[in-house]
Protein backbone atom coordinates (compact mmCIF):
# COMPACT_ATOMS: atom_id res chain seq x y z
CA MET A 1 74.90 86.71 18.25
CA SER A 2 75.41 83.10 18.98
CA ALA A 3 77.47 83.95 21.98
CA ALA A 4 74.67 86.07 23.41
CA PHE A 5 72.07 83.18 22.94
CA LEU A 6 74.37 80.79 24.76
CA VAL A 7 74.72 83.14 27.76
CA LEU A 8 70.92 83.52 27.99
CA LEU A 9 70.37 79.75 27.96
CA VAL A 10 72.85 79.16 30.80
CA SER A 11 71.27 81.87 32.89
CA THR A 12 67.82 80.35 32.55
CA ALA A 13 69.07 76.98 33.66
CA ASN A 14 70.67 78.41 36.76
CA ILE A 15 67.52 80.25 37.78
CA GLY A 16 65.47 77.00 37.47
CA ALA A 17 67.96 75.19 39.67
CA LEU A 18 67.77 77.86 42.34
CA LEU A 19 63.98 77.77 42.37
CA GLY A 20 64.02 73.97 42.77
CA GLU A 21 66.32 74.08 45.69
CA GLY A 22 64.08 76.47 47.58
CA GLN A 23 60.91 74.17 47.47
CA PRO A 24 60.51 70.80 49.26
CA ARG A 25 60.80 67.69 47.10
CA ARG A 26 57.63 65.50 46.79
CA GLU A 27 57.74 61.78 46.52
CA PRO A 28 55.72 60.18 43.62
CA ARG A 29 52.26 58.93 44.73
CA ARG A 30 51.75 55.24 44.73
CA LEU A 31 48.36 53.68 43.97
CA SER A 32 47.09 51.35 46.66
CA CYS A 33 45.82 47.86 45.64
CA VAL A 34 42.12 47.22 46.42
CA ARG A 35 40.87 43.64 46.56
CA CYS A 36 38.10 43.20 43.93
CA CYS A 37 37.78 39.45 44.05
CA ARG A 38 37.06 36.74 46.55
CA PRO A 39 39.89 35.07 48.38
CA SER A 40 39.40 31.86 46.40
CA GLU A 41 39.63 33.69 43.10
CA GLN A 42 42.78 34.79 41.37
CA PRO A 43 43.25 38.44 40.44
CA VAL A 44 42.41 39.17 36.84
CA PRO A 45 45.01 40.99 34.81
CA MET A 46 44.16 44.53 33.78
CA ALA A 47 44.26 43.72 30.09
CA SER A 48 41.82 40.77 30.56
CA SER A 49 39.48 42.88 32.69
CA ARG A 50 39.50 45.61 30.09
CA TYR A 51 38.73 43.08 27.35
CA THR A 52 35.82 41.76 29.37
CA ARG A 53 34.39 45.23 29.82
CA MET A 54 34.78 45.98 26.16
CA SER A 55 33.15 42.71 25.10
CA ASN A 56 30.08 43.38 27.28
CA ASP A 57 29.68 46.83 25.89
CA PRO A 58 27.42 46.87 22.77
CA ALA A 59 29.66 49.46 21.23
CA TYR A 60 32.62 47.04 21.36
CA SER A 61 30.74 43.72 20.71
CA LEU A 62 31.90 41.69 17.74
CA PRO A 63 29.36 41.09 14.91
CA LYS A 64 27.86 37.58 14.64
CA VAL A 65 28.89 35.86 11.46
CA GLN A 66 26.37 33.34 9.97
CA PRO A 67 27.90 31.41 7.11
CA THR A 68 25.67 30.83 4.04
CA ILE A 69 26.09 27.71 1.91
CA ASP A 70 25.11 27.76 -1.72
CA ILE A 71 23.20 24.48 -2.16
CA THR A 72 23.41 24.70 -5.94
CA ILE A 73 27.15 24.23 -5.67
CA LEU A 74 26.81 21.09 -3.50
CA LYS A 75 23.83 19.57 -5.44
CA GLY A 76 24.84 16.59 -7.52
CA GLU A 77 23.37 15.11 -10.67
CA LYS A 78 19.86 13.58 -10.69
CA GLY A 79 19.92 9.87 -9.90
CA GLU A 80 18.05 7.05 -11.58
CA MET A 81 14.42 6.30 -10.73
CA GLY A 82 14.04 3.71 -7.99
CA GLU A 83 11.83 0.63 -7.99
CA LYS A 84 8.12 0.98 -7.37
CA GLY A 85 7.23 0.57 -3.72
CA TYR A 86 4.56 -1.62 -2.23
CA PRO A 87 1.05 -0.15 -2.19
CA GLY A 88 -0.04 1.31 1.07
CA ALA A 89 -2.98 0.25 3.17
CA VAL A 90 -6.44 1.16 1.96
CA GLY A 91 -7.73 4.20 3.72
CA LYS A 92 -11.14 4.73 5.16
CA GLU A 93 -13.94 5.52 2.79
CA GLY A 94 -14.59 9.21 2.68
CA GLU A 95 -17.89 10.96 2.87
CA ARG A 96 -20.00 11.21 -0.20
CA GLY A 97 -19.37 14.40 -2.10
CA LEU A 98 -21.83 16.87 -3.44
CA ARG A 99 -23.69 16.11 -6.62
CA GLY A 100 -21.87 17.39 -9.65
CA PHE A 101 -23.18 19.51 -12.45
CA ASN A 102 -25.10 17.96 -15.32
CA GLY A 103 -22.93 17.04 -18.25
CA ARG A 104 -23.34 18.27 -21.75
CA LYS A 105 -25.90 16.63 -23.99
CA GLY A 106 -24.43 13.82 -26.03
CA GLN A 107 -24.51 13.39 -29.75
CA LYS A 108 -27.50 11.94 -31.51
CA GLY A 109 -27.27 8.17 -31.90
CA GLN A 110 -27.46 6.20 -35.09
CA PRO A 111 -30.87 5.18 -36.38
CA GLY A 112 -32.05 1.71 -35.38
CA PRO A 113 -32.90 -1.15 -37.73
CA GLN A 114 -35.96 -0.81 -39.87
CA GLY A 115 -39.08 -2.30 -38.31
CA HIS A 116 -41.61 -4.63 -39.89
CA SER A 117 -44.57 -2.62 -41.10
CA CYS A 118 -46.80 -5.69 -41.25
CA LYS A 119 -45.72 -7.13 -37.92
CA GLN A 120 -48.50 -6.97 -35.35
CA LEU A 121 -47.98 -7.20 -31.61
CA TYR A 122 -50.58 -9.96 -31.33
CA ALA A 123 -50.37 -13.75 -31.33
CA ALA A 124 -53.02 -16.38 -30.58
CA PHE A 125 -53.92 -19.90 -31.64
CA SER A 126 -56.34 -22.71 -30.74
CA VAL A 127 -56.02 -26.09 -32.45
CA GLY A 128 -57.53 -29.55 -31.86
CA ARG A 129 -57.16 -33.22 -32.76
CA ARG A 130 -60.07 -35.45 -33.76
CA LYS A 131 -58.13 -38.71 -34.04
CA PRO A 132 -56.98 -40.78 -31.06
CA LEU A 133 -53.27 -41.45 -30.64
CA HIS A 134 -51.25 -44.34 -29.21
CA SER A 135 -47.58 -43.85 -28.48
CA SER A 136 -45.54 -46.30 -30.52
CA ASP A 137 -42.13 -44.73 -29.82
CA TYR A 138 -40.34 -43.62 -26.70
CA PHE A 139 -41.11 -40.00 -27.68
CA GLN A 140 -43.89 -39.22 -30.13
CA HIS A 141 -44.71 -35.81 -31.56
CA VAL A 142 -48.41 -34.80 -31.26
CA THR A 143 -49.85 -33.08 -34.30
CA PHE A 144 -53.27 -31.44 -34.76
CA ASP A 145 -55.83 -31.58 -37.55
CA THR A 146 -58.38 -28.95 -36.56
CA GLU A 147 -57.75 -25.20 -36.59
CA PHE A 148 -60.02 -22.99 -34.50
CA VAL A 149 -57.90 -19.82 -34.31
CA ASN A 150 -54.49 -19.25 -35.87
CA LEU A 151 -53.75 -15.54 -35.87
CA TYR A 152 -51.18 -14.61 -38.54
CA LYS A 153 -50.48 -18.35 -38.96
CA HIS A 154 -47.95 -18.47 -36.14
CA PHE A 155 -48.93 -22.09 -35.45
CA ASN A 156 -47.67 -24.53 -38.05
CA MET A 157 -50.35 -27.18 -38.58
CA PHE A 158 -47.97 -29.46 -40.49
CA SER A 159 -45.24 -29.59 -37.79
CA GLY A 160 -47.63 -29.11 -34.86
CA LYS A 161 -45.41 -26.32 -33.40
CA PHE A 162 -46.06 -22.72 -32.41
CA PHE A 163 -43.36 -20.38 -33.71
CA CYS A 164 -42.76 -17.16 -31.75
CA TYR A 165 -42.67 -14.10 -34.01
CA VAL A 166 -43.50 -11.57 -31.26
CA PRO A 167 -41.28 -11.82 -28.14
CA GLY A 168 -43.11 -11.57 -24.84
CA VAL A 169 -45.05 -13.47 -22.19
CA TYR A 170 -47.43 -16.17 -23.44
CA TYR A 171 -50.12 -18.32 -21.85
CA PHE A 172 -50.51 -21.96 -22.97
CA SER A 173 -53.02 -24.67 -22.05
CA LEU A 174 -53.36 -28.34 -23.04
CA ASN A 175 -56.55 -30.41 -22.62
CA VAL A 176 -56.80 -34.15 -23.36
CA HIS A 177 -59.18 -37.04 -22.78
CA THR A 178 -57.68 -40.16 -21.16
CA TRP A 179 -58.22 -43.71 -22.40
CA ASN A 180 -59.68 -46.43 -20.17
CA PHE A 181 -57.06 -48.67 -18.52
CA LYS A 182 -54.24 -46.78 -20.27
CA GLU A 183 -51.68 -44.29 -18.98
CA THR A 184 -51.66 -40.69 -20.20
CA TYR A 185 -48.24 -38.98 -20.14
CA LEU A 186 -47.44 -35.90 -22.22
CA HIS A 187 -44.73 -33.20 -22.19
CA LEU A 188 -45.30 -29.55 -23.00
CA MET A 189 -42.07 -28.58 -24.78
CA LYS A 190 -40.16 -25.34 -25.23
CA ASN A 191 -37.71 -25.86 -28.06
CA GLU A 192 -36.11 -29.24 -27.13
CA LYS A 193 -36.72 -29.09 -23.37
CA GLU A 194 -39.81 -30.24 -21.46
CA VAL A 195 -41.25 -27.47 -19.26
CA ALA A 196 -44.48 -29.09 -18.00
CA ILE A 197 -46.06 -32.56 -17.68
CA LEU A 198 -49.64 -33.68 -18.13
CA TYR A 199 -50.22 -37.06 -16.45
CA ALA A 200 -53.11 -39.38 -15.59
CA GLN A 201 -52.89 -42.87 -14.11
CA PRO A 202 -54.66 -45.83 -15.73
CA SER A 203 -58.29 -46.11 -14.62
CA ASP A 204 -61.46 -47.97 -15.56
CA ARG A 205 -63.05 -44.59 -16.30
CA SER A 206 -61.81 -41.99 -18.75
CA ILE A 207 -61.49 -38.36 -17.63
CA MET A 208 -60.59 -34.93 -19.02
CA GLN A 209 -57.11 -33.85 -17.92
CA SER A 210 -55.52 -30.39 -18.41
CA GLN A 211 -52.29 -28.46 -17.86
CA SER A 212 -51.49 -24.75 -18.28
CA LEU A 213 -48.54 -22.39 -17.80
CA MET A 214 -47.00 -19.09 -18.90
CA LEU A 215 -43.71 -18.78 -20.77
CA ASP A 216 -41.42 -15.87 -21.60
CA LEU A 217 -40.47 -16.43 -25.23
CA GLN A 218 -37.89 -14.87 -27.50
CA GLU A 219 -38.30 -14.53 -31.23
CA GLY A 220 -37.63 -17.83 -32.99
CA GLU A 221 -38.46 -20.13 -30.05
CA GLU A 222 -41.00 -22.95 -30.47
CA VAL A 223 -43.65 -24.55 -28.23
CA TRP A 224 -45.12 -28.01 -28.94
CA VAL A 225 -46.46 -31.25 -27.39
CA ARG A 226 -45.04 -34.77 -27.30
CA MET A 227 -46.08 -38.11 -25.78
CA PHE A 228 -43.75 -40.01 -23.44
CA LYS A 229 -43.95 -43.82 -23.35
CA ARG A 230 -42.83 -45.77 -20.32
CA GLU A 231 -43.49 -49.42 -19.39
CA ARG A 232 -47.24 -49.03 -19.74
CA GLU A 233 -49.19 -48.28 -22.87
CA ASN A 234 -49.68 -44.53 -23.35
CA ALA A 235 -52.68 -43.11 -25.29
CA ILE A 236 -55.07 -40.15 -25.61
CA TYR A 237 -58.66 -40.48 -26.80
CA SER A 238 -60.67 -38.51 -29.37
CA GLU A 239 -63.42 -39.03 -31.99
CA GLU A 240 -64.13 -37.77 -35.47
CA SER A 241 -67.42 -36.26 -34.38
CA ASP A 242 -66.02 -34.52 -31.30
CA VAL A 243 -62.75 -32.82 -30.36
CA TYR A 244 -61.26 -34.05 -27.08
CA ILE A 245 -57.68 -32.84 -27.55
CA ILE A 246 -57.11 -29.04 -27.61
CA PHE A 247 -53.95 -26.96 -27.51
CA ASN A 248 -54.25 -23.17 -26.92
CA GLY A 249 -51.85 -20.25 -26.63
CA HIS A 250 -51.89 -16.46 -26.80
CA LEU A 251 -49.66 -13.45 -26.14
CA ILE A 252 -50.27 -11.69 -22.81
CA LYS A 253 -47.65 -8.93 -22.96
CA PRO A 254 -45.17 -8.21 -25.76
CA ALA A 255 -41.58 -7.52 -24.82
CA VAL A 256 -41.61 -4.22 -26.78
CA GLU A 257 -44.80 -2.22 -26.86
């Protein structure tokens, strides 16, 4: 059987050779070269041209890779606190804001000190002197021997001073009779400081001289009168039968009503 297969194969080959000899033989077709670039440009290889076409095609474009850095890996340890910087310039004053809401009511305060049940918000005195007085010292305290009004005994007749028990505004007045040919010079005192002067020059005729003022007194302060002697003889005149020297004072408005 193998001999028969070999004979058939040789016969087929001979028939193909006879058929080929009867037909004309064609030359292989060559592809002509077409210029696709300018004269100044160099031809691009086929592989490079194909790569360019593939890169422009969305289907063949390479994906863009954006690297991501984990900051927590690169973050170091917390450093020490730096020195305090210089203060900046003062900015412009802003507009006034809206009024806020009322706050809550505070707690009740502690009770105040107990008041004086017998203390009256009144004070007044009027005292006089019936004896004349010559100044023998540089400063001489003037006392009084006649009491016209002494409300609540705020004026001390022994010391000749008014003691303030009710703080407030007071009015005081001093009236004296001068002595002929002698100088009259008196100070109206508040505590140890002179606050007003009553003065009359020496004259051959005696006259009535007065001074008045208002003082704002605190509790415990004193008001009184003293004579002031200079080079000349200083004196005030009075008689037993008449009162020529009068010192008055009264409260106008208490500090607490």
